[in-house]
Protein backbone atom coordinates (compact mmCIF):
# COMPACT_ATOMS: atom_id res chain seq x y z
CA MET A 1 50.49 -90.53 -7.49
CA LYS A 2 49.70 -86.48 -7.89
CA ASP A 3 46.59 -87.54 -9.98
CA LYS A 4 44.48 -84.50 -6.89
CA LEU A 5 43.04 -81.49 -7.49
CA LEU A 6 42.75 -79.52 -4.60
CA VAL A 7 39.62 -76.42 -4.64
CA VAL A 8 39.51 -73.80 -1.79
CA ASP A 9 36.38 -71.39 -1.90
CA ILE A 10 37.08 -68.52 0.68
CA GLY A 11 34.24 -67.12 2.05
CA ASN A 12 33.57 -64.37 4.71
CA THR A 13 32.22 -67.12 7.58
CA ASN A 14 33.30 -70.34 6.00
CA ILE A 15 36.05 -72.07 3.83
CA VAL A 16 34.69 -74.52 2.00
CA PHE A 17 37.34 -76.99 0.76
CA GLY A 18 37.34 -80.44 -1.88
CA VAL A 19 39.23 -83.09 -3.57
CA TYR A 20 38.53 -83.74 -6.95
CA LYS A 21 40.10 -86.66 -9.12
CA GLY A 22 38.79 -86.49 -12.20
CA LYS A 23 35.32 -85.11 -12.31
CA ASP A 24 34.94 -87.01 -9.09
CA LEU A 25 34.27 -85.08 -6.13
CA MET A 26 36.14 -87.94 -2.91
CA ALA A 27 35.52 -85.76 -0.54
CA SER A 28 34.46 -81.84 0.78
CA TYR A 29 35.53 -79.98 3.95
CA ARG A 30 34.15 -76.80 5.71
CA MET A 31 36.14 -74.15 8.20
CA LYS A 32 35.55 -71.49 9.86
CA THR A 33 37.02 -68.35 7.95
CA ASP A 34 39.64 -67.27 10.55
CA LYS A 35 41.78 -63.43 9.18
CA GLU A 36 43.69 -64.19 12.82
CA LYS A 37 45.32 -67.65 11.34
CA ALA A 38 48.63 -68.38 10.50
CA ALA A 39 49.97 -69.89 7.07
CA ASP A 40 51.30 -73.31 10.00
CA GLU A 41 47.40 -73.41 11.67
CA PHE A 42 45.96 -73.20 7.49
CA GLY A 43 48.25 -76.41 6.43
CA ILE A 44 48.41 -77.93 9.00
CA LEU A 45 44.34 -78.37 9.90
CA MET A 46 43.81 -79.13 6.15
CA THR A 47 46.95 -82.02 5.67
CA GLN A 48 44.98 -83.70 8.92
CA MET A 49 41.21 -83.57 7.70
CA LEU A 50 42.95 -84.66 4.02
CA SER A 51 43.91 -87.18 5.67
CA TYR A 52 40.76 -88.40 7.80
CA SER A 53 39.36 -89.35 4.56
CA GLY A 54 42.20 -91.06 3.49
CA ILE A 55 43.98 -88.50 0.68
CA ASN A 56 47.58 -88.64 1.11
CA PRO A 57 48.35 -84.48 0.87
CA ALA A 58 51.78 -85.74 -1.94
CA GLU A 59 48.99 -86.83 -3.63
CA ILE A 60 47.37 -83.55 -5.18
CA MET A 61 48.69 -82.30 -8.45
CA ASP A 62 47.49 -79.03 -8.16
CA VAL A 63 45.33 -76.13 -6.48
CA ILE A 64 42.99 -73.94 -7.12
CA ILE A 65 41.39 -70.83 -4.99
CA SER A 66 38.51 -68.21 -5.16
CA SER A 67 38.37 -65.83 -2.38
CA VAL A 68 36.01 -62.64 -1.54
CA VAL A 69 38.63 -62.39 1.36
CA PRO A 70 41.66 -60.52 0.49
CA PRO A 71 43.17 -60.47 3.75
CA ILE A 72 43.61 -64.45 4.33
CA MET A 73 45.24 -64.27 0.54
CA TYR A 74 48.90 -63.77 2.09
CA SER A 75 48.42 -66.51 4.34
CA PHE A 76 46.94 -69.04 2.94
CA GLU A 77 48.93 -68.83 0.45
CA ARG A 78 52.21 -69.42 2.32
CA ALA A 79 50.44 -72.43 3.73
CA ILE A 80 49.30 -74.33 0.45
CA GLN A 81 53.23 -73.35 -0.93
CA LYS A 82 54.84 -75.03 2.59
CA TYR A 83 52.10 -77.86 3.18
CA PHE A 84 51.80 -79.14 0.21
CA GLY A 85 54.74 -77.57 -2.38
CA ILE A 86 52.55 -75.89 -4.74
CA ASN A 87 52.02 -72.47 -5.93
CA PRO A 88 47.74 -71.83 -6.44
CA MET A 89 46.09 -70.65 -9.20
CA VAL A 90 43.83 -68.25 -8.09
CA VAL A 91 40.93 -66.61 -10.07
CA GLY A 92 40.92 -63.45 -10.85
CA PRO A 93 42.08 -60.69 -13.94
CA GLY A 94 43.58 -62.93 -16.23
CA ILE A 95 42.00 -65.89 -15.88
CA LYS A 96 39.87 -67.94 -18.25
CA THR A 97 36.01 -68.47 -17.54
CA GLY A 98 34.32 -68.30 -21.24
CA LEU A 99 32.13 -65.97 -19.84
CA ASN A 100 31.55 -62.34 -21.38
CA ILE A 101 31.09 -60.66 -18.44
CA LYS A 102 28.50 -57.61 -19.01
CA THR A 103 29.24 -55.55 -16.09
CA GLU A 104 30.21 -52.40 -15.96
CA ASN A 105 32.89 -52.85 -13.78
CA PRO A 106 34.33 -56.90 -14.14
CA LYS A 107 36.47 -56.54 -11.69
CA GLU A 108 34.52 -55.42 -8.95
CA VAL A 109 32.38 -58.50 -9.04
CA GLY A 110 33.26 -61.74 -6.70
CA SER A 111 34.58 -64.28 -7.49
CA ASP A 112 32.83 -66.34 -5.84
CA ARG A 113 30.06 -64.91 -8.26
CA ILE A 114 31.92 -65.88 -11.47
CA VAL A 115 32.65 -69.44 -10.88
CA ASN A 116 29.61 -70.10 -9.45
CA ALA A 117 28.19 -68.58 -13.84
CA VAL A 118 31.19 -70.53 -15.20
CA ALA A 119 29.70 -73.66 -12.70
CA VAL A 120 26.45 -73.37 -14.33
CA ASN A 121 26.95 -72.48 -17.80
CA GLU A 122 29.10 -75.56 -18.26
CA LEU A 123 26.74 -77.64 -16.45
CA TYR A 124 23.06 -76.46 -16.92
CA GLY A 125 23.51 -74.07 -20.13
CA GLY A 126 21.74 -70.86 -20.17
CA PRO A 127 20.18 -68.92 -19.42
CA ALA A 128 20.05 -69.16 -15.81
CA VAL A 129 19.61 -67.79 -12.35
CA ILE A 130 22.03 -68.20 -10.25
CA ILE A 131 21.06 -68.03 -6.31
CA ASP A 132 24.14 -68.32 -4.21
CA PHE A 133 22.52 -68.26 -0.34
CA GLY A 134 25.83 -67.64 1.78
CA THR A 135 27.09 -64.72 4.19
CA ALA A 136 25.37 -62.02 2.09
CA THR A 137 22.32 -63.80 -0.94
CA THR A 138 23.53 -63.57 -4.51
CA PHE A 139 21.82 -63.23 -7.49
CA CYS A 140 23.15 -63.76 -10.95
CA ALA A 141 21.68 -63.37 -14.44
CA LEU A 142 23.02 -65.83 -16.90
CA SER A 143 21.75 -65.27 -20.60
CA ARG A 144 22.05 -67.97 -22.94
CA LYS A 145 24.91 -66.97 -24.71
CA SER A 146 27.53 -66.97 -21.79
CA GLU A 147 27.24 -63.55 -20.77
CA TYR A 148 26.86 -62.88 -17.21
CA LEU A 149 25.20 -59.75 -17.10
CA GLY A 150 24.85 -58.66 -13.14
CA GLY A 151 23.01 -59.17 -10.34
CA ALA A 152 21.56 -58.24 -6.59
CA ILE A 153 22.91 -58.64 -3.27
CA ALA A 154 20.28 -59.04 -0.33
CA PRO A 155 21.87 -59.61 3.42
CA GLY A 156 21.84 -63.07 3.48
CA ILE A 157 19.36 -65.15 5.55
CA LYS A 158 21.74 -65.82 8.88
CA ILE A 159 22.82 -62.03 8.78
CA SER A 160 18.87 -60.75 8.77
CA ALA A 161 17.96 -63.29 11.88
CA GLU A 162 20.63 -61.93 14.00
CA ALA A 163 19.63 -58.35 13.29
CA LEU A 164 16.71 -59.36 14.30
CA PHE A 165 17.56 -60.90 17.83
CA SER A 166 20.57 -58.19 18.79
CA HIS A 167 18.61 -55.42 17.99
CA ALA A 168 14.79 -56.53 19.49
CA SER A 169 15.73 -57.23 23.39
CA ARG A 170 13.08 -59.73 23.68
CA LEU A 171 13.61 -62.69 20.14
CA HIS A 172 16.50 -64.92 21.54
CA ARG A 173 17.68 -67.01 18.84
CA ILE A 174 16.13 -69.75 17.10
CA GLU A 175 16.97 -73.05 15.41
CA LEU A 176 16.20 -71.98 11.12
CA GLN A 177 14.09 -74.24 10.59
CA LYS A 178 10.16 -74.23 9.13
CA PRO A 179 7.70 -73.87 11.83
CA PRO A 180 4.17 -75.53 11.96
CA SER A 181 2.43 -72.78 10.09
CA VAL A 182 3.20 -69.35 8.37
CA ILE A 183 0.96 -67.57 11.19
CA GLY A 184 2.33 -68.91 14.57
CA LYS A 185 1.16 -69.50 16.97
CA ASN A 186 4.51 -68.98 19.78
CA THR A 187 7.31 -66.85 19.48
CA VAL A 188 9.32 -68.89 18.18
CA HIS A 189 7.28 -70.83 15.19
CA ALA A 190 6.63 -66.51 14.53
CA MET A 191 10.08 -66.17 14.30
CA GLN A 192 10.66 -68.90 12.51
CA SER A 193 7.63 -68.17 9.64
CA GLY A 194 8.93 -64.95 9.53
CA ILE A 195 12.23 -65.29 9.00
CA LEU A 196 12.01 -68.57 6.39
CA TYR A 197 8.26 -67.44 4.50
CA GLY A 198 9.91 -63.80 3.83
CA TYR A 199 13.14 -65.06 2.79
CA VAL A 200 11.30 -67.39 0.33
CA GLY A 201 9.38 -63.84 -0.31
CA LEU A 202 12.00 -62.40 -1.43
CA VAL A 203 13.56 -64.89 -3.45
CA ASP A 204 10.67 -65.21 -5.59
CA TYR A 205 10.04 -61.96 -6.16
CA MET A 206 14.08 -61.24 -6.87
CA VAL A 207 13.80 -64.12 -9.56
CA ASN A 208 10.51 -63.42 -11.26
CA ARG A 209 11.66 -59.11 -11.83
CA ILE A 210 15.33 -61.10 -13.12
CA LYS A 211 13.35 -63.12 -15.33
CA GLU A 212 11.47 -59.92 -16.17
CA GLU A 213 14.32 -58.03 -17.44
CA MET A 214 16.26 -60.10 -18.86
CA ASP A 215 13.16 -61.36 -21.27
CA GLU A 216 13.55 -65.04 -20.51
CA ALA A 217 10.48 -66.74 -18.81
CA ASN A 218 11.84 -70.14 -18.64
CA ALA A 219 15.31 -69.13 -17.55
CA LYS A 220 16.38 -72.01 -15.20
CA VAL A 221 16.63 -71.21 -10.95
CA ILE A 222 19.98 -72.98 -9.78
CA ALA A 223 20.48 -72.45 -6.19
CA THR A 224 23.48 -73.53 -4.34
CA GLY A 225 24.37 -72.45 -0.66
CA GLY A 226 23.91 -73.85 3.09
CA LEU A 227 19.82 -73.21 3.11
CA ALA A 228 19.51 -73.44 -0.10
CA ARG A 229 17.72 -76.59 0.47
CA LEU A 230 15.77 -74.97 3.29
CA ILE A 231 14.34 -72.14 0.96
CA ALA A 232 13.91 -73.92 -1.81
CA GLU A 233 11.49 -76.78 -0.12
CA GLU A 234 9.18 -73.43 -0.29
CA SER A 235 9.92 -71.49 -3.11
CA LYS A 236 7.84 -71.27 -5.82
CA THR A 237 11.05 -70.69 -8.06
CA ILE A 238 14.04 -72.88 -7.54
CA GLN A 239 14.41 -75.69 -9.99
CA ILE A 240 18.07 -77.13 -8.83
CA VAL A 241 19.47 -77.05 -5.86
CA ASN A 242 23.52 -78.09 -6.18
CA PRO A 243 25.28 -77.54 -2.73
CA THR A 244 28.79 -78.06 -4.77
CA LEU A 245 27.66 -76.13 -7.25
CA THR A 246 31.03 -73.09 -6.43
CA LEU A 247 33.59 -76.27 -6.21
CA GLU A 248 32.14 -77.43 -9.89
CA GLY A 249 33.26 -74.16 -11.01
CA LEU A 250 36.41 -74.10 -9.58
CA ARG A 251 37.20 -77.37 -10.94
CA ILE A 252 35.88 -76.36 -15.01
CA ILE A 253 37.95 -73.24 -14.37
CA TYR A 254 41.20 -74.55 -14.08
CA TYR A 255 41.43 -77.48 -16.46
CA LYS A 256 40.05 -74.36 -19.47
CA ASN A 257 43.10 -72.32 -18.19
CA LYS A 258 45.54 -75.49 -18.39
CA GLN A 259 43.73 -76.51 -21.69
CA MET A 260 42.58 -79.88 -20.18
CA SER A 261 40.46 -82.09 -20.59
CA VAL A 262 38.84 -83.92 -18.37
């Protein structure tokens, strides 16, 4: 029975996709973003991952995609068409979101940021500050009137760490985890402290400045992305961590555009 929705978020580092039956996320998956992959490679890998979870690709009724990697889209869309028999819905200009985009050039805003804002608007309501810990760390401001106000983009925590390892010859790659104390007693702990707590400071400062400019001291703060939980444990401003926020946003946008309720 074709009763499942495949949602796909193509990011700079990873492709995250999931399968919904109604509002229930049945399974989610992650694979590396590879611009060199052919359509058949994407199609075979995705159908195999679905089958591993007991989901028959023939049960997929439709597909929606958000992407910030234009070069990958030709191969990926061909994969969806060949292996699922579906022309996917792609988040972009003309898609209904329920938001009023208040930036100077709405077309410049990454689709992932809009998708996250749609999810927050629907699930939590505004005013809100949305933080996505991805390849870049993005901060987005959502008003109480469902207005996407804009935001800020900072280097992601992994990019920052890689820059440190690459340009300091005596510093090597370390595991990103909480050190025993802020004052590191060895090089590894010192690096973990500087990266983790330094980033927490960046996050809390940015959130407070965004709230100040919004004139919304009580704006909710929602975080998503791979390292969201680690940062949230130390942050004084993050209130909610939703690891599937982008997938939820894609599901919501799909049904808004199909004018279907679920």
